[in-house]
């Protein structure tokens, strides 16, 4: 019974580690990906050796698969908790909501406003780049001021310059100054 529980525990470790390795690899953070890859391989080999060395191999295989499924759920929670990276929101409005735009800027979001033409009327588009962990806060602010806004969110992989990069550099400089 100990081996069965150990197999389950190993899977609950293995799959979140696999998830993190994949995330870091996709985000171009190869050193972190390499470290998590090492852990992943270690846990994987150890877990499989337990599955195939035990007398109850059928039960062990089922527990291994169940642990994998539960591990995916845990891995997705870990990924959402970390919310690594950046996201871009494109917000389409029927009216130029100055109150929303000003509030977003007060909250530290960089907002670029575009004027365009829709099929039936003028439209305003807000282009907002933010850290992914601030996306829920941003969505809630937009919803509060513009409940009928059309919003598209996508991951920003690379960017250069702009308000967000400038504010990140300011925060890093403050941290360095406070450390000295």
Protein backbone atom coordinates (compact mmCIF):
# COMPACT_ATOMS: atom_id res chain seq x y z
CA UNK A 1 0.00 0.00 0.00
CA UNK A 2 2.92 2.34 0.71
CA UNK A 3 4.15 1.96 -2.86
CA UNK A 4 0.71 2.79 -4.28
CA UNK A 5 0.54 5.98 -2.21
CA UNK A 6 4.10 6.86 -3.18
CA UNK A 7 3.24 6.40 -6.87
CA UNK A 8 0.27 8.75 -6.45
CA UNK A 9 2.40 11.30 -4.62
CA UNK A 10 5.10 11.15 -7.28
CA UNK A 11 2.54 11.81 -10.01
CA UNK A 12 1.17 14.75 -8.06
CA UNK A 13 4.70 16.16 -8.09
CA UNK A 14 5.66 15.04 -11.60
CA UNK A 15 2.86 16.64 -13.61
CA UNK A 16 3.04 20.14 -12.05
CA UNK A 17 6.82 20.05 -12.58
CA UNK A 18 6.22 19.02 -16.20
CA UNK A 19 3.76 21.93 -16.53
CA UNK A 20 6.27 24.41 -15.15
CA UNK A 21 9.04 23.10 -17.41
CA UNK A 22 6.81 23.55 -20.44
CA UNK A 23 5.80 27.07 -19.41
CA UNK A 24 9.38 28.16 -18.84
CA UNK A 25 10.45 26.61 -22.13
CA UNK A 26 7.70 28.40 -24.06
CA UNK A 27 8.58 31.70 -22.38
CA UNK A 28 12.22 31.34 -23.35
CA UNK A 29 13.48 30.84 -19.79
CA UNK A 30 15.74 27.92 -20.62
CA UNK A 31 17.68 27.75 -17.34
CA UNK A 32 14.49 27.31 -15.32
CA UNK A 33 13.15 24.88 -17.93
CA UNK A 34 16.36 22.86 -17.68
CA UNK A 35 16.13 22.67 -13.88
CA UNK A 36 12.48 21.57 -13.96
CA UNK A 37 13.32 19.10 -16.75
CA UNK A 38 15.91 17.50 -14.50
CA UNK A 39 13.37 17.20 -11.66
CA UNK A 40 10.75 15.89 -14.05
CA UNK A 41 13.03 13.13 -15.37
CA UNK A 42 14.10 12.15 -11.86
CA UNK A 43 10.53 11.81 -10.58
CA UNK A 44 9.38 10.11 -13.79
CA UNK A 45 12.05 7.38 -13.72
CA UNK A 46 11.58 6.77 -10.00
CA UNK A 47 7.78 6.57 -10.38
CA UNK A 48 7.91 4.21 -13.34
CA UNK A 49 10.37 1.93 -11.55
CA UNK A 50 7.86 1.62 -8.70
CA UNK A 51 5.00 0.90 -11.11
CA UNK A 52 6.81 -1.91 -12.88
CA UNK A 53 8.62 -3.44 -9.90
CA UNK A 54 5.60 -3.98 -7.66
CA UNK A 55 3.45 -7.08 -7.42
CA UNK A 56 0.24 -5.11 -7.96
CA UNK A 57 1.29 -3.70 -11.33
CA UNK A 58 -2.29 -3.27 -12.64
CA UNK A 59 -3.36 -1.28 -9.58
CA UNK A 60 -0.09 0.67 -9.71
CA UNK A 61 -0.70 1.57 -13.37
CA UNK A 62 -4.22 2.79 -12.64
CA UNK A 63 -3.00 4.85 -9.68
CA UNK A 64 -0.23 6.23 -11.90
CA UNK A 65 -2.81 7.34 -14.48
CA UNK A 66 -5.15 8.79 -11.83
CA UNK A 67 -2.23 10.69 -10.32
CA UNK A 68 -1.37 12.04 -13.76
CA UNK A 69 -4.93 13.36 -14.21
CA UNK A 70 -5.03 14.98 -10.79
CA UNK A 71 -1.54 16.35 -11.39
CA UNK A 72 -2.80 18.17 -14.49
CA UNK A 73 -5.40 19.94 -12.36
CA UNK A 74 -2.76 20.89 -9.78
CA UNK A 75 -0.39 22.02 -12.52
CA UNK A 76 -3.02 24.30 -14.02
CA UNK A 77 -3.68 25.86 -10.60
CA UNK A 78 0.05 26.42 -10.11
CA UNK A 79 0.34 27.99 -13.57
CA UNK A 80 -2.62 30.30 -12.92
CA UNK A 81 -1.24 31.24 -9.51
CA UNK A 82 2.17 32.16 -10.95
CA UNK A 83 0.64 33.96 -13.97
CA UNK A 84 4.03 34.45 -15.58
CA UNK A 85 4.47 36.79 -18.50
CA UNK A 86 2.45 39.57 -20.05
CA UNK A 87 -0.90 39.92 -21.69
CA UNK A 88 -2.34 42.41 -24.12
CA UNK A 89 -5.97 43.43 -23.97
CA UNK A 90 -7.64 45.02 -26.95
CA UNK A 91 -10.82 46.72 -25.76
CA UNK A 92 -13.38 47.96 -28.28
CA UNK A 93 -15.82 50.66 -27.14
CA UNK A 94 -18.65 52.53 -28.82
CA UNK A 95 -17.80 55.72 -26.90
CA UNK A 96 -14.50 57.20 -25.82
CA UNK A 97 -14.86 56.65 -22.09
CA UNK A 98 -12.42 59.22 -20.65
CA UNK A 99 -13.35 58.18 -17.12
CA UNK A 100 -12.28 54.58 -17.82
CA UNK A 101 -9.11 55.65 -19.64
CA UNK A 102 -8.08 57.97 -16.81
CA UNK A 103 -8.82 55.36 -14.15
CA UNK A 104 -6.77 52.74 -15.97
CA UNK A 105 -3.84 55.15 -16.17
CA UNK A 106 -4.22 56.05 -12.48
CA UNK A 107 -3.99 52.35 -11.66
CA UNK A 108 -0.68 52.12 -13.55
CA UNK A 109 -1.87 50.59 -16.82
CA UNK A 110 -0.41 51.96 -20.03
CA UNK A 111 -3.30 52.69 -22.39
CA UNK A 112 -3.13 53.64 -26.04
CA UNK A 113 -6.38 54.86 -27.59
CA UNK A 114 -7.22 54.42 -31.27
CA UNK A 115 -10.15 55.85 -33.19
CA UNK A 116 -11.72 53.73 -35.90
CA UNK A 117 -14.84 53.01 -37.87
CA UNK A 118 -17.05 50.02 -37.29
CA UNK A 119 -19.81 48.85 -39.60
CA UNK A 120 -22.44 51.13 -38.06
CA UNK A 121 -20.55 53.79 -36.12
CA UNK A 122 -17.27 55.16 -34.79
CA UNK A 123 -15.38 52.89 -32.44
CA UNK A 124 -12.63 53.41 -29.90
CA UNK A 125 -9.98 50.81 -29.24
CA UNK A 126 -7.87 50.67 -26.11
CA UNK A 127 -4.61 48.77 -26.37
CA UNK A 128 -3.33 47.75 -22.93
CA UNK A 129 -0.21 45.72 -22.10
CA UNK A 130 0.08 44.43 -18.54
CA UNK A 131 1.61 41.72 -16.42
CA UNK A 132 -0.52 38.61 -16.62
CA UNK A 133 -1.13 38.55 -12.87
CA UNK A 134 -2.93 41.92 -13.20
CA UNK A 135 -5.29 40.76 -15.94
CA UNK A 136 -8.21 39.93 -13.58
CA UNK A 137 -7.91 43.37 -11.96
CA UNK A 138 -7.85 45.01 -15.39
CA UNK A 139 -10.86 43.03 -16.63
CA UNK A 140 -12.83 43.98 -13.52
CA UNK A 141 -12.08 47.69 -14.00
CA UNK A 142 -13.16 47.57 -17.64
CA UNK A 143 -16.32 45.65 -16.73
CA UNK A 144 -17.19 48.21 -14.07
CA UNK A 145 -16.93 51.18 -16.46
CA UNK A 146 -17.88 49.50 -19.75
CA UNK A 147 -19.97 46.34 -19.24
CA UNK A 148 -20.68 46.05 -22.99
CA UNK A 149 -17.06 46.36 -24.11
CA UNK A 150 -15.71 43.80 -26.57
CA UNK A 151 -12.41 42.51 -25.16
CA UNK A 152 -9.75 40.33 -26.69
CA UNK A 153 -6.86 39.10 -24.56
CA UNK A 154 -3.72 37.49 -25.87
CA UNK A 155 -0.25 36.71 -24.61
CA UNK A 156 2.48 39.18 -25.50
CA UNK A 157 5.69 37.24 -26.02
CA UNK A 158 8.12 40.06 -26.81
CA UNK A 159 7.98 43.80 -26.67
CA UNK A 160 10.36 46.74 -26.67
CA UNK A 161 9.95 50.21 -25.19
CA UNK A 162 6.69 51.77 -24.12
CA UNK A 163 5.10 52.74 -20.81
CA UNK A 164 5.18 49.29 -19.19
CA UNK A 165 8.87 48.72 -19.85
CA UNK A 166 9.65 52.21 -18.52
CA UNK A 167 7.66 51.60 -15.32
CA UNK A 168 9.28 48.17 -14.80
CA UNK A 169 12.73 49.76 -15.04
CA UNK A 170 11.69 52.40 -12.48
CA UNK A 171 10.58 49.70 -10.03
CA UNK A 172 13.84 47.77 -10.50
CA UNK A 173 15.87 50.93 -9.90
CA UNK A 174 13.90 51.66 -6.69
CA UNK A 175 14.51 48.11 -5.46
CA UNK A 176 18.25 48.40 -6.12
CA UNK A 177 18.40 51.77 -4.34
CA UNK A 178 16.52 50.37 -1.33
CA UNK A 179 18.87 47.39 -1.13
CA UNK A 180 21.95 49.59 -0.88
